[in-house]
Amino acid sequence: MIELNYTLFIQAGLFIFLMLVLNKILFQPFLRFFDERHNKISGDEKEASRLQEEAERRRLQVDEGLNKGYLQAREEKGRIQDAGAHVGKQVVDTVRQQVDEEIAKTKDQIAHESQQALIELERGQGAMAKEIAEKILGRSLQ
């Protein structure tokens, strides 16, 4: 049988004293440490999430900037190609006009020289005919 005497109260008092002392010295600091650790981990996770969102936002901004730059570059390339085609067409038209003028001048010159040659042939026609006849007949025609 269990005997209840004053030692039970001493043991209960020591137990309660020990619980209070250990609570102050060991359990509360240990629980504070775990709370701080949990809060720090939670804060770090939130910070990491925030930084990841910011990085994604910045990546999207960079992608948008690259896309805008790409589109501007394509537009500028098109403008440059159009300007080059326009300048090239102007050069070709100018050269074609110059060639047409040269051809016209050359045709006029050939026509003029042909006319001159015909005139000279007509002038010398009588003398040539006489000379040919003299050669054929073998004597002089006077």
C-alpha atoms as a PDB file:
ATOM      1  CA  MET A   1       0.000   0.000   0.000  1.00  0.00           C
ATOM      2  CA  ILE A   2       1.095   3.523  -0.660  1.00  0.00           C
ATOM      3  CA  GLU A   3       1.650   5.656   2.305  1.00  0.00           C
ATOM      4  CA  LEU A   4       0.937   9.312   1.965  1.00  0.00           C
ATOM      5  CA  ASN A   5       3.117  11.446   4.106  1.00  0.00           C
ATOM      6  CA  TYR A   6       4.937  14.741   3.979  1.00  0.00           C
ATOM      7  CA  THR A   7       7.596  13.408   1.482  1.00  0.00           C
ATOM      8  CA  LEU A   8       4.954  13.317  -1.187  1.00  0.00           C
ATOM      9  CA  PHE A   9       4.468  17.064  -0.769  1.00  0.00           C
ATOM     10  CA  ILE A  10       8.244  17.602  -0.827  1.00  0.00           C
ATOM     11  CA  GLN A  11       8.540  15.575  -4.021  1.00  0.00           C
ATOM     12  CA  ALA A  12       5.615  17.429  -5.582  1.00  0.00           C
ATOM     13  CA  GLY A  13       7.183  20.745  -4.552  1.00  0.00           C
ATOM     14  CA  LEU A  14      10.571  19.712  -5.977  1.00  0.00           C
ATOM     15  CA  PHE A  15       8.850  18.579  -9.162  1.00  0.00           C
ATOM     16  CA  ILE A  16       7.030  21.890  -9.542  1.00  0.00           C
ATOM     17  CA  PHE A  17      10.225  23.835  -8.676  1.00  0.00           C
ATOM     18  CA  LEU A  18      12.174  21.814 -11.223  1.00  0.00           C
ATOM     19  CA  MET A  19       9.464  22.363 -13.854  1.00  0.00           C
ATOM     20  CA  LEU A  20       9.551  26.123 -13.268  1.00  0.00           C
ATOM     21  CA  VAL A  21      13.358  26.298 -13.316  1.00  0.00           C
ATOM     22  CA  LEU A  22      13.711  24.040 -16.347  1.00  0.00           C
ATOM     23  CA  ASN A  23      10.920  25.969 -18.079  1.00  0.00           C
ATOM     24  CA  LYS A  24      12.817  29.253 -17.560  1.00  0.00           C
ATOM     25  CA  ILE A  25      16.298  27.875 -18.273  1.00  0.00           C
ATOM     26  CA  LEU A  26      15.699  25.242 -20.911  1.00  0.00           C
ATOM     27  CA  PHE A  27      12.224  25.014 -22.429  1.00  0.00           C
ATOM     28  CA  GLN A  28      11.436  28.698 -23.046  1.00  0.00           C
ATOM     29  CA  PRO A  29      14.824  29.464 -24.707  1.00  0.00           C
ATOM     30  CA  PHE A  30      14.497  26.293 -26.730  1.00  0.00           C
ATOM     31  CA  LEU A  31      10.960  27.208 -27.844  1.00  0.00           C
ATOM     32  CA  ARG A  32      12.073  30.819 -28.552  1.00  0.00           C
ATOM     33  CA  PHE A  33      14.921  29.450 -30.660  1.00  0.00           C
ATOM     34  CA  PHE A  34      12.483  27.307 -32.669  1.00  0.00           C
ATOM     35  CA  ASP A  35      10.072  30.247 -33.104  1.00  0.00           C
ATOM     36  CA  GLU A  36      12.885  32.520 -34.248  1.00  0.00           C
ATOM     37  CA  ARG A  37      14.155  29.826 -36.599  1.00  0.00           C
ATOM     38  CA  HIS A  38      10.651  29.278 -37.994  1.00  0.00           C
ATOM     39  CA  ASN A  39      10.144  33.049 -38.398  1.00  0.00           C
ATOM     40  CA  LYS A  40      13.540  33.418 -40.091  1.00  0.00           C
ATOM     41  CA  ILE A  41      12.850  30.542 -42.465  1.00  0.00           C
ATOM     42  CA  SER A  42       9.386  31.909 -43.213  1.00  0.00           C
ATOM     43  CA  GLY A  43      10.841  35.403 -43.783  1.00  0.00           C
ATOM     44  CA  ASP A  44      13.591  33.984 -45.992  1.00  0.00           C
ATOM     45  CA  GLU A  45      11.010  32.048 -48.013  1.00  0.00           C
ATOM     46  CA  LYS A  46       8.926  35.194 -48.447  1.00  0.00           C
ATOM     47  CA  GLU A  47      12.039  37.166 -49.430  1.00  0.00           C
ATOM     48  CA  ALA A  48      13.058  34.444 -51.886  1.00  0.00           C
ATOM     49  CA  SER A  49       9.555  34.440 -53.347  1.00  0.00           C
ATOM     50  CA  ARG A  50       9.609  38.235 -53.646  1.00  0.00           C
ATOM     51  CA  LEU A  51      13.051  38.168 -55.278  1.00  0.00           C
ATOM     52  CA  GLN A  52      11.942  35.448 -57.666  1.00  0.00           C
ATOM     53  CA  GLU A  53       8.880  37.471 -58.656  1.00  0.00           C
ATOM     54  CA  GLU A  54      11.037  40.545 -59.152  1.00  0.00           C
ATOM     55  CA  ALA A  55      13.517  38.543 -61.235  1.00  0.00           C
ATOM     56  CA  GLU A  56      10.646  37.229 -63.364  1.00  0.00           C
ATOM     57  CA  ARG A  57       9.266  40.753 -63.758  1.00  0.00           C
ATOM     58  CA  ARG A  58      12.679  42.046 -64.806  1.00  0.00           C
ATOM     59  CA  ARG A  59      13.133  39.108 -67.201  1.00  0.00           C
ATOM     60  CA  LEU A  60       9.790  39.973 -68.780  1.00  0.00           C
ATOM     61  CA  GLN A  61      10.874  43.623 -69.064  1.00  0.00           C
ATOM     62  CA  VAL A  62      14.137  42.568 -70.708  1.00  0.00           C
ATOM     63  CA  ASP A  63      12.260  40.246 -73.076  1.00  0.00           C
ATOM     64  CA  GLU A  64       9.846  43.046 -73.913  1.00  0.00           C
ATOM     65  CA  GLY A  65      12.752  45.422 -74.508  1.00  0.00           C
ATOM     66  CA  LEU A  66      14.467  42.855 -76.724  1.00  0.00           C
ATOM     67  CA  ASN A  67      11.274  42.306 -78.686  1.00  0.00           C
ATOM     68  CA  LYS A  68      10.827  46.068 -79.132  1.00  0.00           C
ATOM     69  CA  GLY A  69      14.456  46.371 -80.207  1.00  0.00           C
ATOM     70  CA  TYR A  70      14.038  43.480 -82.623  1.00  0.00           C
ATOM     71  CA  LEU A  71      10.923  45.050 -84.129  1.00  0.00           C
ATOM     72  CA  GLN A  72      12.618  48.448 -84.399  1.00  0.00           C
ATOM     73  CA  ALA A  73      15.633  46.810 -86.041  1.00  0.00           C
ATOM     74  CA  ARG A  74      13.373  45.040 -88.547  1.00  0.00           C
ATOM     75  CA  GLU A  75      11.561  48.312 -89.311  1.00  0.00           C
ATOM     76  CA  GLU A  76      14.862  50.145 -89.724  1.00  0.00           C
ATOM     77  CA  LYS A  77      16.171  47.358 -91.956  1.00  0.00           C
ATOM     78  CA  GLY A  78      13.033  47.649 -94.089  1.00  0.00           C
ATOM     79  CA  ARG A  79      13.427  51.425 -94.306  1.00  0.00           C
ATOM     80  CA  ILE A  80      17.078  51.058 -95.271  1.00  0.00           C
ATOM     81  CA  GLN A  81      16.243  48.432 -97.897  1.00  0.00           C
ATOM     82  CA  ASP A  82      13.470  50.631 -99.296  1.00  0.00           C
ATOM     83  CA  ALA A  83      15.788  53.636 -99.383  1.00  0.00           C
ATOM     84  CA  GLY A  84      18.483  51.521-101.050  1.00  0.00           C
ATOM     85  CA  ALA A  85      16.011  50.231-103.634  1.00  0.00           C
ATOM     86  CA  HIS A  86      14.831  53.792-104.290  1.00  0.00           C
ATOM     87  CA  VAL A  87      18.384  55.086-104.695  1.00  0.00           C
ATOM     88  CA  GLY A  88      19.241  52.076-106.869  1.00  0.00           C
ATOM     89  CA  LYS A  89      16.202  52.743-109.067  1.00  0.00           C
ATOM     90  CA  GLN A  90      17.200  56.385-109.389  1.00  0.00           C
ATOM     91  CA  VAL A  91      20.743  55.379-110.389  1.00  0.00           C
ATOM     92  CA  VAL A  92      19.441  52.848-112.917  1.00  0.00           C
ATOM     93  CA  ASP A  93      17.001  55.418-114.336  1.00  0.00           C
ATOM     94  CA  THR A  94      19.765  58.032-114.593  1.00  0.00           C
ATOM     95  CA  VAL A  95      22.131  55.587-116.289  1.00  0.00           C
ATOM     96  CA  ARG A  96      19.330  54.394-118.615  1.00  0.00           C
ATOM     97  CA  GLN A  97      18.591  58.017-119.565  1.00  0.00           C
ATOM     98  CA  GLN A  98      22.274  58.690-120.197  1.00  0.00           C
ATOM     99  CA  VAL A  99      22.567  55.521-122.302  1.00  0.00           C
ATOM    100  CA  ASP A 100      19.453  56.485-124.279  1.00  0.00           C
ATOM    101  CA  GLU A 101      20.947  59.936-124.894  1.00  0.00           C
ATOM    102  CA  GLU A 102      24.266  58.386-125.988  1.00  0.00           C
ATOM    103  CA  ILE A 103      22.440  55.976-128.293  1.00  0.00           C
ATOM    104  CA  ALA A 104      20.484  58.857-129.812  1.00  0.00           C
ATOM    105  CA  LYS A 105      23.682  60.883-130.272  1.00  0.00           C
ATOM    106  CA  THR A 106      25.451  57.894-131.793  1.00  0.00           C
ATOM    107  CA  LYS A 107      22.520  57.246-134.188  1.00  0.00           C
ATOM    108  CA  ASP A 108      22.537  60.912-135.193  1.00  0.00           C
ATOM    109  CA  GLN A 109      26.294  60.786-135.680  1.00  0.00           C
ATOM    110  CA  ILE A 110      26.041  57.601-137.762  1.00  0.00           C
ATOM    111  CA  ALA A 111      23.225  59.094-139.836  1.00  0.00           C
ATOM    112  CA  HIS A 112      25.269  62.261-140.369  1.00  0.00           C
ATOM    113  CA  GLU A 113      28.403  60.307-141.302  1.00  0.00           C
ATOM    114  CA  SER A 114      26.327  58.080-143.636  1.00  0.00           C
ATOM    115  CA  GLN A 115      24.927  61.178-145.285  1.00  0.00           C
ATOM    116  CA  GLN A 116      28.430  62.623-145.667  1.00  0.00           C
ATOM    117  CA  ALA A 117      29.698  59.352-147.104  1.00  0.00           C
ATOM    118  CA  LEU A 118      26.824  59.238-149.597  1.00  0.00           C
ATOM    119  CA  ILE A 119      27.480  62.833-150.619  1.00  0.00           C
ATOM    120  CA  GLU A 120      31.160  62.089-151.148  1.00  0.00           C
ATOM    121  CA  LEU A 121      30.338  58.907-153.041  1.00  0.00           C
ATOM    122  CA  GLU A 122      27.946  60.830-155.265  1.00  0.00           C
ATOM    123  CA  ARG A 123      30.627  63.475-155.929  1.00  0.00           C
ATOM    124  CA  GLY A 124      33.220  60.907-156.710  1.00  0.00           C
ATOM    125  CA  GLN A 125      30.805  58.668-158.625  1.00  0.00           C
ATOM    126  CA  GLY A 126      31.511  60.192-162.021  1.00  0.00           C
ATOM    127  CA  ALA A 127      35.258  60.123-161.557  1.00  0.00           C
ATOM    128  CA  MET A 128      35.131  56.550-160.317  1.00  0.00           C
ATOM    129  CA  ALA A 129      32.939  55.441-163.185  1.00  0.00           C
ATOM    130  CA  LYS A 130      35.357  57.020-165.632  1.00  0.00           C
ATOM    131  CA  GLU A 131      38.315  55.362-163.960  1.00  0.00           C
ATOM    132  CA  ILE A 132      36.590  51.952-163.974  1.00  0.00           C
ATOM    133  CA  ALA A 133      35.670  52.334-167.608  1.00  0.00           C
ATOM    134  CA  GLU A 134      39.265  53.273-168.496  1.00  0.00           C
ATOM    135  CA  LYS A 135      40.538  50.198-166.723  1.00  0.00           C
ATOM    136  CA  ILE A 136      38.013  47.958-168.434  1.00  0.00           C
ATOM    137  CA  LEU A 137      38.699  49.447-171.853  1.00  0.00           C
ATOM    138  CA  GLY A 138      42.368  49.768-171.271  1.00  0.00           C
ATOM    139  CA  ARG A 139      42.498  53.286-172.670  1.00  0.00           C
ATOM    140  CA  SER A 140      41.817  56.767-171.524  1.00  0.00           C
ATOM    141  CA  LEU A 141      38.391  58.389-171.922  1.00  0.00           C
ATOM    142  CA  GLN A 142      38.580  62.072-172.519  1.00  0.00           C
END
